[in-house]
C-alpha cells in the first residue's frame, strides 16, 4: 500500500481533532514538543489509524519548521492530554537546530535558483549593466531573521 499526501493530511487532521491540546494542523502556528514514544500512546487510543499512516504523519509533523523551532533544551514535552511528559534534552535540541539549518539552507538555495532562472536571459549582459538593473527580487533575498520562539513552559515552573 502506498501512503499518499491525502492519507497523511487526513491522519494529521484526525490527530488534531482527537488531541487539540497536543497537535496543530496549520504549519505556521506554534507547535509544542511531543513526548518521546507518543506513537504507542496514539496507537492505543486511536485504533482507526493504520500504523504506517500514523508513522508517516508523525514523521511529517516532526519535520515541520515550527516543530523543530520548538525543540529548545529544557522545554517541556507534552503527552496526548497536553500535560508535561519529560523535557527536551540538549542533544535533541542540537539535532533539531542542525535539521532546521539544513531545511532553511535548502530553501535559500531553491529560492536563489528560482530567482536566477526567472531573471536569466539568453544574451549575456555586461557586469556593470547587470548590477545596475538587477531585478528587485534579487535585492530582496537578504538574510531573513529566523523566528525564535520561547520554550513552552508549564504553569508549575
N, C-alpha and C. Protein backbone atom coordinates (compact mmCIF):
# COMPACT_ATOMS: atom_id res chain seq x y z
N UNK A 1 0.83 -1.19 0.00
CA UNK A 1 0.00 0.00 0.00
C UNK A 1 0.88 1.25 0.00
N UNK A 2 0.55 2.17 -0.85
CA UNK A 2 1.27 3.43 -0.94
C UNK A 2 0.54 4.47 -0.10
N UNK A 3 1.29 5.21 0.68
CA UNK A 3 0.72 6.26 1.51
C UNK A 3 0.80 7.57 0.74
N UNK A 4 -0.33 8.21 0.54
CA UNK A 4 -0.39 9.45 -0.22
C UNK A 4 -0.40 10.67 0.71
N UNK A 5 -0.23 11.82 0.12
CA UNK A 5 -0.30 13.07 0.89
C UNK A 5 -1.66 13.24 1.53
N UNK A 6 -2.68 12.83 0.82
CA UNK A 6 -4.03 12.94 1.36
C UNK A 6 -4.20 12.08 2.60
N UNK A 7 -3.60 10.88 2.59
CA UNK A 7 -3.65 9.99 3.75
C UNK A 7 -2.98 10.66 4.95
N UNK A 8 -1.83 11.27 4.71
CA UNK A 8 -1.08 11.92 5.78
C UNK A 8 -1.86 13.12 6.31
N UNK A 9 -2.42 13.93 5.40
CA UNK A 9 -3.19 15.10 5.83
C UNK A 9 -4.42 14.68 6.61
N UNK A 10 -5.08 13.62 6.16
CA UNK A 10 -6.26 13.12 6.86
C UNK A 10 -5.88 12.63 8.26
N UNK A 11 -4.75 11.95 8.37
CA UNK A 11 -4.29 11.47 9.67
C UNK A 11 -3.96 12.64 10.59
N UNK A 12 -3.29 13.66 10.05
CA UNK A 12 -2.98 14.84 10.87
C UNK A 12 -4.25 15.56 11.31
N UNK A 13 -5.22 15.64 10.41
CA UNK A 13 -6.50 16.26 10.77
C UNK A 13 -7.19 15.45 11.87
N UNK A 14 -7.14 14.14 11.78
CA UNK A 14 -7.74 13.27 12.79
C UNK A 14 -7.03 13.45 14.14
N UNK A 15 -5.70 13.52 14.12
CA UNK A 15 -4.94 13.72 15.35
C UNK A 15 -5.26 15.08 15.97
N UNK A 16 -5.38 16.11 15.14
CA UNK A 16 -5.71 17.45 15.63
C UNK A 16 -7.10 17.48 16.23
N UNK A 17 -8.02 16.75 15.62
CA UNK A 17 -9.39 16.69 16.12
C UNK A 17 -9.45 15.92 17.45
N UNK A 18 -8.74 14.81 17.52
CA UNK A 18 -8.79 13.98 18.71
C UNK A 18 -7.98 14.56 19.87
N UNK A 19 -6.88 15.23 19.55
CA UNK A 19 -5.97 15.76 20.58
C UNK A 19 -5.61 17.21 20.28
N UNK A 20 -6.57 18.14 20.40
CA UNK A 20 -6.31 19.53 20.03
C UNK A 20 -5.29 20.23 20.94
N UNK A 21 -5.11 19.74 22.15
CA UNK A 21 -4.15 20.34 23.06
C UNK A 21 -2.72 19.89 22.75
N UNK A 22 -2.57 18.92 21.85
CA UNK A 22 -1.25 18.37 21.54
C UNK A 22 -0.80 18.71 20.13
N UNK A 23 -1.68 18.55 19.14
CA UNK A 23 -1.31 18.71 17.74
C UNK A 23 -1.89 19.98 17.14
N UNK A 24 -1.16 20.53 16.16
CA UNK A 24 -1.56 21.73 15.44
C UNK A 24 -1.62 21.36 13.96
N UNK A 25 -2.72 21.64 13.29
CA UNK A 25 -2.86 21.28 11.88
C UNK A 25 -2.10 22.25 10.97
N UNK A 26 -2.14 23.54 11.28
CA UNK A 26 -1.51 24.55 10.44
C UNK A 26 0.00 24.56 10.68
N UNK A 27 0.76 24.61 9.60
CA UNK A 27 2.22 24.59 9.68
C UNK A 27 2.81 25.84 10.32
N UNK A 28 2.13 26.96 10.17
CA UNK A 28 2.68 28.25 10.59
C UNK A 28 2.40 28.59 12.05
N UNK A 29 1.56 27.81 12.72
CA UNK A 29 1.25 28.08 14.12
C UNK A 29 2.28 27.42 15.03
N UNK A 30 2.52 27.97 16.21
CA UNK A 30 3.50 27.37 17.13
C UNK A 30 3.13 25.93 17.50
N UNK A 31 4.14 25.09 17.53
CA UNK A 31 3.99 23.69 17.90
C UNK A 31 4.63 23.47 19.27
N UNK A 32 4.31 22.36 19.90
CA UNK A 32 4.91 22.01 21.18
C UNK A 32 5.62 20.67 21.04
N UNK A 33 6.74 20.49 21.71
CA UNK A 33 7.46 19.22 21.61
C UNK A 33 6.62 18.05 22.12
N UNK A 34 6.62 16.97 21.37
CA UNK A 34 5.84 15.79 21.73
C UNK A 34 6.64 14.87 22.63
N UNK A 35 5.91 14.12 23.43
CA UNK A 35 6.51 13.12 24.32
C UNK A 35 7.25 12.08 23.50
N UNK A 36 8.38 11.60 24.00
CA UNK A 36 9.10 10.52 23.35
C UNK A 36 8.24 9.27 23.48
N UNK A 37 7.99 8.58 22.37
CA UNK A 37 7.17 7.38 22.38
C UNK A 37 5.68 7.65 22.27
N UNK A 38 5.32 8.82 21.78
CA UNK A 38 3.90 9.18 21.70
C UNK A 38 3.15 8.33 20.67
N UNK A 39 3.86 7.75 19.72
CA UNK A 39 3.22 6.92 18.69
C UNK A 39 2.49 5.73 19.32
N UNK A 40 3.09 5.12 20.34
CA UNK A 40 2.44 3.98 21.01
C UNK A 40 1.17 4.43 21.73
N UNK A 41 1.21 5.62 22.33
CA UNK A 41 0.02 6.15 23.00
C UNK A 41 -1.10 6.41 22.00
N UNK A 42 -0.74 6.96 20.85
CA UNK A 42 -1.74 7.25 19.83
C UNK A 42 -2.34 5.95 19.29
N UNK A 43 -1.48 4.97 19.04
CA UNK A 43 -1.95 3.68 18.52
C UNK A 43 -2.93 3.03 19.50
N UNK A 44 -2.71 3.20 20.79
CA UNK A 44 -3.60 2.62 21.79
C UNK A 44 -4.94 3.35 21.87
N UNK A 45 -4.92 4.66 21.64
CA UNK A 45 -6.15 5.44 21.79
C UNK A 45 -6.88 5.69 20.47
N UNK A 46 -6.21 5.60 19.35
CA UNK A 46 -6.83 5.81 18.03
C UNK A 46 -6.57 4.59 17.17
N UNK A 47 -7.34 3.58 17.36
CA UNK A 47 -7.12 2.32 16.65
C UNK A 47 -7.48 2.40 15.17
N UNK A 48 -8.25 3.40 14.78
CA UNK A 48 -8.65 3.50 13.38
C UNK A 48 -7.51 3.97 12.47
N UNK A 49 -6.47 4.56 13.04
CA UNK A 49 -5.32 4.99 12.24
C UNK A 49 -4.39 3.81 11.99
N UNK A 50 -4.08 3.56 10.74
CA UNK A 50 -3.15 2.48 10.40
C UNK A 50 -1.75 2.85 10.88
N UNK A 51 -0.99 1.85 11.24
CA UNK A 51 0.35 2.08 11.79
C UNK A 51 1.26 2.80 10.80
N UNK A 52 1.25 2.42 9.54
CA UNK A 52 2.10 3.05 8.53
C UNK A 52 1.73 4.50 8.29
N UNK A 53 0.43 4.77 8.23
CA UNK A 53 -0.04 6.14 8.02
C UNK A 53 0.28 7.00 9.23
N UNK A 54 0.11 6.45 10.42
CA UNK A 54 0.44 7.18 11.65
C UNK A 54 1.93 7.51 11.70
N UNK A 55 2.74 6.56 11.35
CA UNK A 55 4.19 6.78 11.34
C UNK A 55 4.57 7.87 10.35
N UNK A 56 4.00 7.83 9.16
CA UNK A 56 4.28 8.86 8.15
C UNK A 56 3.79 10.23 8.60
N UNK A 57 2.61 10.28 9.21
CA UNK A 57 2.06 11.56 9.67
C UNK A 57 2.91 12.15 10.77
N UNK A 58 3.36 11.33 11.72
CA UNK A 58 4.22 11.85 12.79
C UNK A 58 5.56 12.29 12.26
N UNK A 59 6.06 11.61 11.25
CA UNK A 59 7.33 11.99 10.64
C UNK A 59 7.21 13.36 9.97
N UNK A 60 6.14 13.55 9.23
CA UNK A 60 5.90 14.84 8.57
C UNK A 60 5.75 15.94 9.61
N UNK A 61 5.00 15.66 10.66
CA UNK A 61 4.77 16.64 11.73
C UNK A 61 6.08 17.05 12.40
N UNK A 62 6.93 16.07 12.67
CA UNK A 62 8.18 16.33 13.38
C UNK A 62 9.23 17.01 12.51
N UNK A 63 9.02 17.06 11.20
CA UNK A 63 9.96 17.75 10.31
C UNK A 63 9.52 19.17 9.98
N UNK A 64 8.40 19.60 10.52
CA UNK A 64 7.95 20.97 10.28
C UNK A 64 8.89 21.97 10.93
N UNK A 65 9.03 23.11 10.29
CA UNK A 65 9.92 24.15 10.80
C UNK A 65 9.47 24.61 12.19
N UNK A 66 8.20 24.83 12.37
CA UNK A 66 7.71 25.31 13.67
C UNK A 66 7.93 24.26 14.76
N UNK A 67 7.82 22.99 14.42
CA UNK A 67 8.07 21.95 15.42
C UNK A 67 9.56 21.93 15.79
N UNK A 68 10.42 22.00 14.78
CA UNK A 68 11.86 21.99 15.05
C UNK A 68 12.27 23.21 15.88
N UNK A 69 11.63 24.34 15.65
CA UNK A 69 11.93 25.54 16.42
C UNK A 69 11.47 25.40 17.86
N UNK A 70 10.50 24.56 18.12
CA UNK A 70 10.01 24.39 19.49
C UNK A 70 10.93 23.50 20.33
N UNK A 71 11.82 22.77 19.68
CA UNK A 71 12.71 21.86 20.40
C UNK A 71 13.90 22.63 20.96
N UNK A 72 13.68 23.26 22.09
CA UNK A 72 14.69 24.03 22.79
C UNK A 72 15.05 23.25 24.05
N UNK A 73 16.33 23.18 24.35
CA UNK A 73 16.78 22.42 25.53
C UNK A 73 16.04 22.88 26.78
N UNK A 74 15.48 21.93 27.51
CA UNK A 74 14.75 22.23 28.73
C UNK A 74 13.27 22.45 28.55
N UNK A 75 12.80 22.55 27.31
CA UNK A 75 11.37 22.76 27.07
C UNK A 75 10.60 21.50 27.46
N UNK A 76 9.40 21.68 27.96
CA UNK A 76 8.58 20.55 28.38
C UNK A 76 7.98 19.84 27.16
N UNK A 77 8.10 18.53 27.14
CA UNK A 77 7.42 17.72 26.13
C UNK A 77 6.02 17.43 26.65
N UNK A 78 5.07 17.24 25.75
CA UNK A 78 3.69 17.02 26.18
C UNK A 78 3.17 15.68 25.70
N UNK A 79 2.21 15.15 26.46
CA UNK A 79 1.57 13.90 26.08
C UNK A 79 0.27 14.21 25.35
N UNK A 80 -0.54 13.20 25.13
CA UNK A 80 -1.78 13.39 24.36
C UNK A 80 -2.81 14.27 25.07
N UNK A 81 -2.68 14.41 26.38
CA UNK A 81 -3.61 15.25 27.14
C UNK A 81 -3.09 16.67 27.33
N UNK A 82 -1.92 16.97 26.76
CA UNK A 82 -1.34 18.30 26.88
C UNK A 82 -0.57 18.51 28.17
N UNK A 83 -0.33 17.44 28.92
CA UNK A 83 0.40 17.55 30.19
C UNK A 83 1.88 17.28 29.96
N UNK A 84 2.71 17.85 30.82
CA UNK A 84 4.16 17.68 30.70
C UNK A 84 4.53 16.21 30.84
N UNK A 85 5.43 15.76 29.96
CA UNK A 85 5.87 14.36 29.97
C UNK A 85 7.34 14.32 29.55
N UNK A 86 8.19 14.91 30.35
CA UNK A 86 9.61 14.92 30.05
C UNK A 86 10.07 16.28 29.53
N UNK A 87 11.36 16.35 29.26
CA UNK A 87 11.95 17.59 28.75
C UNK A 87 12.74 17.31 27.48
N UNK A 88 12.95 18.35 26.71
CA UNK A 88 13.80 18.27 25.53
C UNK A 88 15.25 18.29 26.02
N UNK A 89 16.02 17.31 25.62
CA UNK A 89 17.43 17.26 26.03
C UNK A 89 18.26 18.18 25.14
N UNK A 90 19.46 18.46 25.60
CA UNK A 90 20.38 19.29 24.81
C UNK A 90 20.71 18.59 23.50
N UNK A 91 20.85 17.29 23.53
CA UNK A 91 21.14 16.52 22.31
C UNK A 91 20.01 16.64 21.30
N UNK A 92 18.76 16.54 21.79
CA UNK A 92 17.60 16.70 20.90
C UNK A 92 17.56 18.10 20.31
N UNK A 93 17.86 19.10 21.12
CA UNK A 93 17.84 20.49 20.66
C UNK A 93 18.92 20.72 19.61
N UNK A 94 20.10 20.15 19.80
CA UNK A 94 21.18 20.29 18.82
C UNK A 94 20.80 19.62 17.51
N UNK A 95 20.21 18.44 17.58
CA UNK A 95 19.78 17.74 16.37
C UNK A 95 18.74 18.56 15.62
N UNK A 96 17.77 19.10 16.37
CA UNK A 96 16.72 19.91 15.74
C UNK A 96 17.30 21.17 15.11
N UNK A 97 18.25 21.80 15.77
CA UNK A 97 18.87 23.01 15.22
C UNK A 97 19.62 22.70 13.93
N UNK A 98 20.32 21.57 13.90
CA UNK A 98 21.04 21.18 12.68
C UNK A 98 20.06 20.87 11.56
N UNK A 99 18.99 20.16 11.87
CA UNK A 99 17.98 19.83 10.88
C UNK A 99 17.32 21.10 10.34
N UNK A 100 17.01 22.03 11.23
CA UNK A 100 16.40 23.30 10.85
C UNK A 100 17.33 24.11 9.97
N UNK A 101 18.60 24.15 10.31
CA UNK A 101 19.57 24.88 9.49
C UNK A 101 19.65 24.29 8.09
N UNK A 102 19.60 22.97 7.99
CA UNK A 102 19.62 22.31 6.68
C UNK A 102 18.39 22.66 5.86
N UNK A 103 17.24 22.66 6.49
CA UNK A 103 15.98 23.00 5.79
C UNK A 103 16.03 24.44 5.29
N UNK A 104 16.43 25.36 6.15
CA UNK A 104 16.47 26.77 5.76
C UNK A 104 17.51 27.03 4.68
N UNK A 105 18.65 26.34 4.74
CA UNK A 105 19.67 26.49 3.71
C UNK A 105 19.16 25.95 2.38
N UNK A 106 18.47 24.84 2.42
CA UNK A 106 17.90 24.26 1.20
C UNK A 106 16.88 25.20 0.58
N UNK A 107 16.05 25.80 1.41
CA UNK A 107 15.05 26.75 0.91
C UNK A 107 15.73 27.96 0.28
N UNK A 108 16.81 28.42 0.89
CA UNK A 108 17.51 29.58 0.36
C UNK A 108 18.11 29.26 -1.01
N UNK A 109 18.69 28.07 -1.15
CA UNK A 109 19.26 27.65 -2.44
C UNK A 109 18.17 27.57 -3.50
N UNK A 110 17.03 26.99 -3.15
CA UNK A 110 15.92 26.88 -4.10
C UNK A 110 15.41 28.25 -4.50
N UNK A 111 15.30 29.14 -3.52
CA UNK A 111 14.80 30.49 -3.80
C UNK A 111 15.77 31.24 -4.70
N UNK A 112 17.06 31.11 -4.44
CA UNK A 112 18.08 31.76 -5.26
C UNK A 112 18.06 31.20 -6.68
N UNK A 113 17.93 29.89 -6.80
CA UNK A 113 17.89 29.26 -8.13
C UNK A 113 16.64 29.70 -8.89
N UNK A 114 15.52 29.82 -8.20
CA UNK A 114 14.29 30.25 -8.86
C UNK A 114 14.41 31.68 -9.37
N UNK A 115 15.01 32.55 -8.56
CA UNK A 115 15.20 33.94 -8.97
C UNK A 115 16.18 34.00 -10.14
N UNK A 116 17.23 33.21 -10.07
CA UNK A 116 18.22 33.20 -11.16
C UNK A 116 17.59 32.68 -12.45
N UNK A 117 16.76 31.66 -12.34
CA UNK A 117 16.11 31.11 -13.53
C UNK A 117 15.10 32.10 -14.10
N UNK A 118 14.43 32.82 -13.25
CA UNK A 118 13.43 33.78 -13.69
C UNK A 118 14.10 34.98 -14.38
N UNK A 119 15.23 35.40 -13.82
CA UNK A 119 15.91 36.57 -14.35
C UNK A 119 16.92 36.25 -15.43
N UNK A 120 17.16 34.98 -15.71
CA UNK A 120 18.16 34.60 -16.71
C UNK A 120 17.68 34.95 -18.11
N UNK A 121 18.60 35.46 -18.93
CA UNK A 121 18.29 35.78 -20.31
C UNK A 121 19.32 35.08 -21.20
N UNK A 122 18.95 34.75 -22.41
CA UNK A 122 19.89 34.05 -23.28
C UNK A 122 21.09 34.91 -23.69
N UNK A 123 20.95 36.23 -23.70
CA UNK A 123 22.03 37.12 -24.09
C UNK A 123 22.75 37.58 -22.82
N UNK A 124 24.07 37.45 -22.78
CA UNK A 124 24.84 37.86 -21.60
C UNK A 124 24.94 39.37 -21.56
N UNK A 125 24.73 39.95 -20.39
CA UNK A 125 24.83 41.39 -20.20
C UNK A 125 26.16 41.72 -19.56
N UNK A 126 26.68 42.91 -19.80
CA UNK A 126 27.91 43.32 -19.11
C UNK A 126 27.68 43.36 -17.60
N UNK A 127 28.72 43.14 -16.82
CA UNK A 127 28.61 43.07 -15.36
C UNK A 127 28.07 44.37 -14.77
N UNK A 128 28.51 45.52 -15.28
CA UNK A 128 28.05 46.81 -14.75
C UNK A 128 26.56 47.00 -15.01
N UNK A 129 26.11 46.61 -16.18
CA UNK A 129 24.69 46.76 -16.51
C UNK A 129 23.85 45.82 -15.67
N UNK A 130 24.35 44.63 -15.38
CA UNK A 130 23.59 43.66 -14.59
C UNK A 130 23.40 44.16 -13.17
N UNK A 131 24.43 44.71 -12.55
CA UNK A 131 24.33 45.20 -11.18
C UNK A 131 23.40 46.40 -11.10
N UNK A 132 23.44 47.26 -12.10
CA UNK A 132 22.60 48.46 -12.06
C UNK A 132 21.14 48.14 -12.30
N UNK A 133 20.86 47.10 -13.09
CA UNK A 133 19.48 46.80 -13.44
C UNK A 133 19.02 45.49 -12.82
N UNK A 134 19.55 45.15 -11.67
CA UNK A 134 19.16 43.90 -11.02
C UNK A 134 17.68 43.96 -10.66
N UNK A 135 16.96 42.87 -10.89
CA UNK A 135 15.54 42.87 -10.54
C UNK A 135 15.35 43.01 -9.03
N UNK A 136 14.26 43.61 -8.59
CA UNK A 136 14.02 43.82 -7.16
C UNK A 136 14.00 42.52 -6.37
N UNK A 137 13.62 41.40 -6.98
CA UNK A 137 13.57 40.13 -6.26
C UNK A 137 14.96 39.71 -5.79
N UNK A 138 15.99 40.00 -6.58
CA UNK A 138 17.34 39.64 -6.20
C UNK A 138 17.78 40.47 -5.00
N UNK A 139 17.40 41.73 -4.98
CA UNK A 139 17.78 42.60 -3.88
C UNK A 139 17.03 42.24 -2.60
N UNK A 140 15.88 41.60 -2.71
CA UNK A 140 15.08 41.24 -1.55
C UNK A 140 15.51 39.93 -0.91
N UNK A 141 16.56 39.28 -1.41
CA UNK A 141 16.99 38.00 -0.88
C UNK A 141 18.00 38.13 0.25
N UNK A 142 17.97 39.22 0.95
CA UNK A 142 18.87 39.39 2.08
C UNK A 142 18.51 38.36 3.15
N UNK A 143 19.44 38.14 4.05
CA UNK A 143 19.23 37.17 5.12
C UNK A 143 18.02 37.58 5.95
N UNK A 144 17.03 36.69 6.02
CA UNK A 144 15.86 36.95 6.83
C UNK A 144 16.11 36.46 8.25
N UNK A 145 15.62 37.16 9.24
CA UNK A 145 15.81 36.68 10.61
C UNK A 145 14.97 35.43 10.84
N UNK A 146 15.48 34.53 11.63
CA UNK A 146 14.77 33.31 11.97
C UNK A 146 13.92 33.59 13.19
N UNK A 147 12.67 33.18 13.13
CA UNK A 147 11.76 33.37 14.24
C UNK A 147 12.17 32.45 15.39
N UNK A 148 12.50 33.01 16.51
CA UNK A 148 12.87 32.24 17.69
C UNK A 148 11.72 32.33 18.70
N UNK A 149 11.11 31.21 18.97
CA UNK A 149 10.00 31.18 19.91
C UNK A 149 10.51 30.77 21.28
N UNK A 150 9.94 31.35 22.33
CA UNK A 150 10.35 30.90 23.66
C UNK A 150 9.89 29.48 23.89
N UNK A 151 10.59 28.78 24.71
CA UNK A 151 10.22 27.40 25.03
C UNK A 151 8.89 27.42 25.77
N UNK A 152 8.06 26.44 25.48
CA UNK A 152 6.79 26.33 26.17
C UNK A 152 7.04 25.83 27.59
N UNK A 153 6.50 26.48 28.53
CA UNK A 153 6.67 26.10 29.93
C UNK A 153 5.31 25.77 30.53
N UNK A 154 5.30 24.93 31.49
CA UNK A 154 4.06 24.63 32.18
C UNK A 154 3.83 25.66 33.25
N UNK A 155 2.62 25.74 33.78
CA UNK A 155 2.28 26.73 34.78
C UNK A 155 3.00 26.47 36.10
N UNK A 156 3.43 25.24 36.34
CA UNK A 156 4.10 24.90 37.61
C UNK A 156 5.53 25.43 37.65
N UNK A 157 6.11 25.76 36.52
CA UNK A 157 7.52 26.20 36.51
C UNK A 157 7.66 27.66 36.79
